[in-house]
Amino acid sequence: SLSDYLAGAKEFIDLVADQAEAGMEVVGSGQQYVINANWKLLAENSVDAFHGFPVHNTYFDYLKNIGSLRMDTNAGHFAASGMTDLGNGHAVIEYQSPWGRPIARWVPSWGEEKKAVVEALRANLIKRFGEARGHRMAEYSRNMIIFPNLVINDIMAITIRTFMPEAPGKMTVSAWALGARDEDADLRKLRLFNFLEFLGPGGF
């Protein structure tokens, strides 16, 4: 059954699906691109705890320069949280976010006027799910592979990726942004900007 196949991944899917009381929706038409690599490279990359800061250091410098990093409470220490085997080939890495999250983690670059909006979202998460789970949904990012070819990145935006091997050294990737149905217009704009600047081909 699907429930048995998903195994430990169900908990992490719920952490995404439960972020909005009105439900989540795919936003826009998505992206499609080709990577000249074996498909297993993207599967491994999606839960690799070690490449973040060395490979994406230009992106982190950019976030720091515009006031979009909050490195409090050990945020961004990917390896400290580690990777978790979820069974049936699925895996996840979960870590404290160094960036803003439109769901409920404010950063200074968003402006003081958005702080109250984000704090209200956070308070609602805690009211609905309790302090521990609400805090986890707001403050933590997670990258998950559902074997063989579904990736859910719940980070500075939420992206869903599938990838299909075309040849031993070539794959086609399809990606979509996921957002809250009743989302504040400015937070939706930030979410989509994050989807474009880091999670899509422009982020390469």
C-alpha atoms as a PDB file:
ATOM      1  CA  SER A   1       0.000   0.000   0.000  1.00  0.00           C
ATOM      2  CA  LEU A   2       1.024   3.638  -0.411  1.00  0.00           C
ATOM      3  CA  SER A   3       1.096   4.055   3.380  1.00  0.00           C
ATOM      4  CA  ASP A   4       3.462   1.101   3.785  1.00  0.00           C
ATOM      5  CA  TYR A   5       5.638   2.237   0.896  1.00  0.00           C
ATOM      6  CA  LEU A   6       6.043   5.779   2.252  1.00  0.00           C
ATOM      7  CA  ALA A   7       7.074   4.401   5.661  1.00  0.00           C
ATOM      8  CA  GLY A   8       8.866   7.091   7.700  1.00  0.00           C
ATOM      9  CA  ALA A   9       8.440   9.701   4.948  1.00  0.00           C
ATOM     10  CA  LYS A  10       4.793  10.241   5.963  1.00  0.00           C
ATOM     11  CA  GLU A  11       5.758  12.293   9.027  1.00  0.00           C
ATOM     12  CA  PHE A  12       7.832  14.677   6.912  1.00  0.00           C
ATOM     13  CA  ILE A  13       5.196  14.993   4.189  1.00  0.00           C
ATOM     14  CA  ASP A  14       2.749  15.995   6.927  1.00  0.00           C
ATOM     15  CA  LEU A  15       5.170  18.693   8.149  1.00  0.00           C
ATOM     16  CA  VAL A  16       4.735  20.283   4.717  1.00  0.00           C
ATOM     17  CA  ALA A  17       1.049  19.526   4.131  1.00  0.00           C
ATOM     18  CA  ASP A  18      -0.009  20.889   7.543  1.00  0.00           C
ATOM     19  CA  GLN A  19       1.650  24.299   7.143  1.00  0.00           C
ATOM     20  CA  ALA A  20      -1.606  25.994   6.099  1.00  0.00           C
ATOM     21  CA  GLU A  21      -5.088  25.373   7.440  1.00  0.00           C
ATOM     22  CA  ALA A  22      -6.531  26.088   3.977  1.00  0.00           C
ATOM     23  CA  GLY A  23      -4.189  23.532   2.427  1.00  0.00           C
ATOM     24  CA  MET A  24      -1.233  23.781   0.082  1.00  0.00           C
ATOM     25  CA  GLU A  25      -1.233  24.372  -3.657  1.00  0.00           C
ATOM     26  CA  VAL A  26       1.142  24.234  -6.602  1.00  0.00           C
ATOM     27  CA  VAL A  27       1.942  27.798  -7.660  1.00  0.00           C
ATOM     28  CA  GLY A  28       2.501  28.670 -11.310  1.00  0.00           C
ATOM     29  CA  SER A  29       3.554  26.393 -14.108  1.00  0.00           C
ATOM     30  CA  GLY A  30       6.829  25.045 -12.762  1.00  0.00           C
ATOM     31  CA  GLN A  31      10.216  24.578 -14.358  1.00  0.00           C
ATOM     32  CA  GLN A  32      11.818  21.909 -16.496  1.00  0.00           C
ATOM     33  CA  TYR A  33      15.501  21.471 -17.214  1.00  0.00           C
ATOM     34  CA  VAL A  34      18.100  18.861 -18.169  1.00  0.00           C
ATOM     35  CA  ILE A  35      21.090  17.805 -16.066  1.00  0.00           C
ATOM     36  CA  ASN A  36      23.933  15.990 -17.795  1.00  0.00           C
ATOM     37  CA  ALA A  37      24.519  13.501 -14.989  1.00  0.00           C
ATOM     38  CA  ASN A  38      23.323  10.116 -13.839  1.00  0.00           C
ATOM     39  CA  TRP A  39      19.947  10.326 -12.055  1.00  0.00           C
ATOM     40  CA  LYS A  40      21.405   8.878  -8.850  1.00  0.00           C
ATOM     41  CA  LEU A  41      23.503  12.036  -8.432  1.00  0.00           C
ATOM     42  CA  LEU A  42      20.373  14.155  -7.856  1.00  0.00           C
ATOM     43  CA  ALA A  43      18.923  11.556  -5.503  1.00  0.00           C
ATOM     44  CA  GLU A  44      22.111  11.654  -3.412  1.00  0.00           C
ATOM     45  CA  ASN A  45      22.495  15.442  -3.666  1.00  0.00           C
ATOM     46  CA  SER A  46      19.022  15.921  -2.214  1.00  0.00           C
ATOM     47  CA  VAL A  47      20.040  14.548   1.201  1.00  0.00           C
ATOM     48  CA  ASP A  48      23.762  15.325   1.183  1.00  0.00           C
ATOM     49  CA  ALA A  49      24.517  17.171   4.415  1.00  0.00           C
ATOM     50  CA  PHE A  50      28.043  18.126   3.462  1.00  0.00           C
ATOM     51  CA  HIS A  51      27.901  20.189   0.265  1.00  0.00           C
ATOM     52  CA  GLY A  52      25.751  23.114   1.499  1.00  0.00           C
ATOM     53  CA  PHE A  53      28.170  25.767   2.696  1.00  0.00           C
ATOM     54  CA  PRO A  54      31.198  24.867   0.511  1.00  0.00           C
ATOM     55  CA  VAL A  55      29.209  24.634  -2.740  1.00  0.00           C
ATOM     56  CA  HIS A  56      26.651  27.388  -2.125  1.00  0.00           C
ATOM     57  CA  ASN A  57      28.923  29.846  -0.301  1.00  0.00           C
ATOM     58  CA  THR A  58      28.220  32.590  -2.883  1.00  0.00           C
ATOM     59  CA  TYR A  59      24.508  32.274  -2.150  1.00  0.00           C
ATOM     60  CA  PHE A  60      25.096  32.446   1.613  1.00  0.00           C
ATOM     61  CA  ASP A  61      27.302  35.542   1.152  1.00  0.00           C
ATOM     62  CA  TYR A  62      24.506  37.128  -0.880  1.00  0.00           C
ATOM     63  CA  LEU A  63      21.919  36.353   1.826  1.00  0.00           C
ATOM     64  CA  LYS A  64      24.220  37.775   4.485  1.00  0.00           C
ATOM     65  CA  ASN A  65      24.723  40.982   2.478  1.00  0.00           C
ATOM     66  CA  ILE A  66      20.989  41.640   2.070  1.00  0.00           C
ATOM     67  CA  GLY A  67      20.060  40.714   5.664  1.00  0.00           C
ATOM     68  CA  SER A  68      18.401  37.390   4.871  1.00  0.00           C
ATOM     69  CA  LEU A  69      20.474  35.167   7.168  1.00  0.00           C
ATOM     70  CA  ARG A  70      19.758  34.496  10.826  1.00  0.00           C
ATOM     71  CA  MET A  71      22.475  32.257  12.163  1.00  0.00           C
ATOM     72  CA  ASP A  72      21.052  32.107  15.693  1.00  0.00           C
ATOM     73  CA  THR A  73      20.512  28.813  17.555  1.00  0.00           C
ATOM     74  CA  ASN A  74      23.038  26.908  15.413  1.00  0.00           C
ATOM     75  CA  ALA A  75      20.986  27.486  12.278  1.00  0.00           C
ATOM     76  CA  GLY A  76      22.545  26.034   9.188  1.00  0.00           C
ATOM     77  CA  HIS A  77      24.654  23.375  10.916  1.00  0.00           C
ATOM     78  CA  PHE A  78      23.545  20.738   8.442  1.00  0.00           C
ATOM     79  CA  ALA A  79      25.772  17.891   9.531  1.00  0.00           C
ATOM     80  CA  ALA A  80      24.786  18.272  13.181  1.00  0.00           C
ATOM     81  CA  SER A  81      21.223  17.234  12.394  1.00  0.00           C
ATOM     82  CA  GLY A  82      22.341  14.422  10.128  1.00  0.00           C
ATOM     83  CA  MET A  83      20.537  12.367   7.560  1.00  0.00           C
ATOM     84  CA  THR A  84      17.761   9.956   8.503  1.00  0.00           C
ATOM     85  CA  ASP A  85      16.908   6.696   6.764  1.00  0.00           C
ATOM     86  CA  LEU A  86      13.112   6.650   6.409  1.00  0.00           C
ATOM     87  CA  GLY A  87      12.871   3.135   5.023  1.00  0.00           C
ATOM     88  CA  ASN A  88      12.251   1.786   1.501  1.00  0.00           C
ATOM     89  CA  GLY A  89      15.021   3.941   0.025  1.00  0.00           C
ATOM     90  CA  HIS A  90      13.599   7.234   1.352  1.00  0.00           C
ATOM     91  CA  ALA A  91      15.777   9.639   3.356  1.00  0.00           C
ATOM     92  CA  VAL A  92      15.681  13.134   4.825  1.00  0.00           C
ATOM     93  CA  ILE A  93      18.019  15.730   6.230  1.00  0.00           C
ATOM     94  CA  GLU A  94      16.480  18.160   8.708  1.00  0.00           C
ATOM     95  CA  TYR A  95      18.299  21.187  10.146  1.00  0.00           C
ATOM     96  CA  GLN A  96      17.704  24.575  11.741  1.00  0.00           C
ATOM     97  CA  SER A  97      17.126  27.122   8.994  1.00  0.00           C
ATOM     98  CA  PRO A  98      19.686  29.858   8.423  1.00  0.00           C
ATOM     99  CA  TRP A  99      17.278  31.679   6.042  1.00  0.00           C
ATOM    100  CA  GLY A 100      13.781  33.073   6.164  1.00  0.00           C
ATOM    101  CA  ARG A 101      10.818  30.748   5.623  1.00  0.00           C
ATOM    102  CA  PRO A 102       7.532  32.233   4.388  1.00  0.00           C
ATOM    103  CA  ILE A 103       5.677  29.735   6.560  1.00  0.00           C
ATOM    104  CA  ALA A 104       6.806  31.375   9.834  1.00  0.00           C
ATOM    105  CA  ARG A 105      10.463  32.449  10.044  1.00  0.00           C
ATOM    106  CA  TRP A 106      11.111  36.167   9.609  1.00  0.00           C
ATOM    107  CA  VAL A 107      14.428  37.690   8.466  1.00  0.00           C
ATOM    108  CA  PRO A 108      15.338  41.424   8.489  1.00  0.00           C
ATOM    109  CA  SER A 109      15.427  41.769   4.684  1.00  0.00           C
ATOM    110  CA  TRP A 110      11.648  41.205   4.618  1.00  0.00           C
ATOM    111  CA  GLY A 111      11.071  44.470   6.481  1.00  0.00           C
ATOM    112  CA  GLU A 112       9.677  45.221   9.921  1.00  0.00           C
ATOM    113  CA  GLU A 113       6.148  45.497   8.524  1.00  0.00           C
ATOM    114  CA  LYS A 114       6.172  41.755   7.728  1.00  0.00           C
ATOM    115  CA  LYS A 115       7.440  40.687  11.147  1.00  0.00           C
ATOM    116  CA  ALA A 116       3.997  40.796  12.780  1.00  0.00           C
ATOM    117  CA  VAL A 117       2.450  38.811   9.905  1.00  0.00           C
ATOM    118  CA  VAL A 118       5.086  36.089  10.197  1.00  0.00           C
ATOM    119  CA  GLU A 119       4.864  36.003  14.000  1.00  0.00           C
ATOM    120  CA  ALA A 120       1.083  35.517  13.727  1.00  0.00           C
ATOM    121  CA  LEU A 121       1.638  32.565  11.383  1.00  0.00           C
ATOM    122  CA  ARG A 122       4.093  31.109  13.873  1.00  0.00           C
ATOM    123  CA  ALA A 123       1.680  31.567  16.790  1.00  0.00           C
ATOM    124  CA  ASN A 124      -1.030  29.802  14.801  1.00  0.00           C
ATOM    125  CA  LEU A 125       1.261  26.830  14.099  1.00  0.00           C
ATOM    126  CA  ILE A 126       2.013  26.517  17.820  1.00  0.00           C
ATOM    127  CA  LYS A 127      -1.684  26.826  18.680  1.00  0.00           C
ATOM    128  CA  ARG A 128      -2.605  24.085  16.200  1.00  0.00           C
ATOM    129  CA  PHE A 129       0.249  21.656  16.806  1.00  0.00           C
ATOM    130  CA  GLY A 130       1.872  22.537  20.139  1.00  0.00           C
ATOM    131  CA  GLU A 131       5.167  24.223  20.921  1.00  0.00           C
ATOM    132  CA  ALA A 132       7.499  21.435  19.768  1.00  0.00           C
ATOM    133  CA  ARG A 133       5.915  20.636  16.397  1.00  0.00           C
ATOM    134  CA  GLY A 134       4.987  24.250  15.671  1.00  0.00           C
ATOM    135  CA  HIS A 135       8.571  25.361  16.332  1.00  0.00           C
ATOM    136  CA  ARG A 136       9.876  22.546  14.156  1.00  0.00           C
ATOM    137  CA  MET A 137       7.617  23.521  11.245  1.00  0.00           C
ATOM    138  CA  ALA A 138       8.614  27.195  11.503  1.00  0.00           C
ATOM    139  CA  GLU A 139      12.320  26.978  12.274  1.00  0.00           C
ATOM    140  CA  TYR A 140      13.562  23.819  10.576  1.00  0.00           C
ATOM    141  CA  SER A 141      14.255  23.095   6.928  1.00  0.00           C
ATOM    142  CA  ARG A 142      14.161  19.636   5.421  1.00  0.00           C
ATOM    143  CA  ASN A 143      15.276  18.031   2.188  1.00  0.00           C
ATOM    144  CA  MET A 144      13.749  14.638   1.397  1.00  0.00           C
ATOM    145  CA  ILE A 145      14.061  12.007  -1.297  1.00  0.00           C
ATOM    146  CA  ILE A 146      11.193   9.591  -1.754  1.00  0.00           C
ATOM    147  CA  PHE A 147      12.723   6.742  -3.716  1.00  0.00           C
ATOM    148  CA  PRO A 148      13.229   6.574  -6.594  1.00  0.00           C
ATOM    149  CA  ASN A 149      12.650  10.027  -8.046  1.00  0.00           C
ATOM    150  CA  LEU A 150      10.561  12.409  -5.918  1.00  0.00           C
ATOM    151  CA  VAL A 151      12.285  15.216  -4.003  1.00  0.00           C
ATOM    152  CA  ILE A 152      10.567  17.566  -1.559  1.00  0.00           C
ATOM    153  CA  ASN A 153      12.689  20.527  -0.439  1.00  0.00           C
ATOM    154  CA  ASP A 154      11.018  22.450   2.394  1.00  0.00           C
ATOM    155  CA  ILE A 155      13.634  25.140   2.816  1.00  0.00           C
ATOM    156  CA  MET A 156      13.474  28.894   1.981  1.00  0.00           C
ATOM    157  CA  ALA A 157      10.626  27.899  -0.325  1.00  0.00           C
ATOM    158  CA  ILE A 158       9.008  24.533  -0.957  1.00  0.00           C
ATOM    159  CA  THR A 159       9.836  22.771  -4.154  1.00  0.00           C
ATOM    160  CA  ILE A 160       8.672  19.419  -5.490  1.00  0.00           C
ATOM    161  CA  ARG A 161      10.972  17.786  -8.019  1.00  0.00           C
ATOM    162  CA  THR A 162      10.754  14.681 -10.121  1.00  0.00           C
ATOM    163  CA  PHE A 163      13.542  13.505 -12.364  1.00  0.00           C
ATOM    164  CA  MET A 164      13.517  11.003 -15.201  1.00  0.00           C
ATOM    165  CA  PRO A 165      16.659   9.350 -16.600  1.00  0.00           C
ATOM    166  CA  GLU A 166      16.973   9.854 -20.354  1.00  0.00           C
ATOM    167  CA  ALA A 167      20.356   8.117 -20.657  1.00  0.00           C
ATOM    168  CA  PRO A 168      23.068   6.901 -18.266  1.00  0.00           C
ATOM    169  CA  GLY A 169      24.448  10.457 -18.095  1.00  0.00           C
ATOM    170  CA  LYS A 170      21.328  12.563 -18.634  1.00  0.00           C
ATOM    171  CA  MET A 171      18.097  13.318 -16.758  1.00  0.00           C
ATOM    172  CA  THR A 172      15.110  15.617 -17.192  1.00  0.00           C
ATOM    173  CA  VAL A 173      13.997  17.439 -14.052  1.00  0.00           C
ATOM    174  CA  SER A 174      10.529  18.881 -13.471  1.00  0.00           C
ATOM    175  CA  ALA A 175      10.000  21.189 -10.491  1.00  0.00           C
ATOM    176  CA  TRP A 176       7.039  23.012  -8.976  1.00  0.00           C
ATOM    177  CA  ALA A 177       6.697  25.557  -6.173  1.00  0.00           C
ATOM    178  CA  LEU A 178       4.290  24.717  -3.358  1.00  0.00           C
ATOM    179  CA  GLY A 179       2.636  27.400  -1.248  1.00  0.00           C
ATOM    180  CA  ALA A 180      -0.146  28.006   1.252  1.00  0.00           C
ATOM    181  CA  ARG A 181      -3.557  28.545  -0.368  1.00  0.00           C
ATOM    182  CA  ASP A 182      -4.428  31.625   1.696  1.00  0.00           C
ATOM    183  CA  GLU A 183      -0.923  33.096   1.764  1.00  0.00           C
ATOM    184  CA  ASP A 184      -0.194  36.798   2.269  1.00  0.00           C
ATOM    185  CA  ALA A 185       0.593  38.306  -1.164  1.00  0.00           C
ATOM    186  CA  ASP A 186       4.012  39.641  -0.123  1.00  0.00           C
ATOM    187  CA  LEU A 187       5.025  36.315   1.421  1.00  0.00           C
ATOM    188  CA  ARG A 188       3.909  34.537  -1.765  1.00  0.00           C
ATOM    189  CA  LYS A 189       6.102  36.905  -3.762  1.00  0.00           C
ATOM    190  CA  LEU A 190       9.081  36.136  -1.488  1.00  0.00           C
ATOM    191  CA  ARG A 191       8.415  32.414  -1.776  1.00  0.00           C
ATOM    192  CA  LEU A 192       8.416  32.549  -5.571  1.00  0.00           C
ATOM    193  CA  PHE A 193      11.538  34.717  -5.639  1.00  0.00           C
ATOM    194  CA  ASN A 194      13.313  32.134  -3.477  1.00  0.00           C
ATOM    195  CA  PHE A 195      12.101  29.389  -5.824  1.00  0.00           C
ATOM    196  CA  LEU A 196      13.662  31.248  -8.763  1.00  0.00           C
ATOM    197  CA  GLU A 197      16.912  32.508  -7.248  1.00  0.00           C
ATOM    198  CA  PHE A 198      18.094  29.334  -5.538  1.00  0.00           C
ATOM    199  CA  LEU A 199      15.959  26.275  -6.224  1.00  0.00           C
ATOM    200  CA  GLY A 200      15.634  26.670  -9.988  1.00  0.00           C
ATOM    201  CA  PRO A 201      18.134  26.749 -12.870  1.00  0.00           C
ATOM    202  CA  GLY A 202      18.939  30.402 -12.060  1.00  0.00           C
ATOM    203  CA  GLY A 203      20.430  29.210  -8.769  1.00  0.00           C
ATOM    204  CA  PHE A 204      23.037  27.118 -10.563  1.00  0.00           C
END
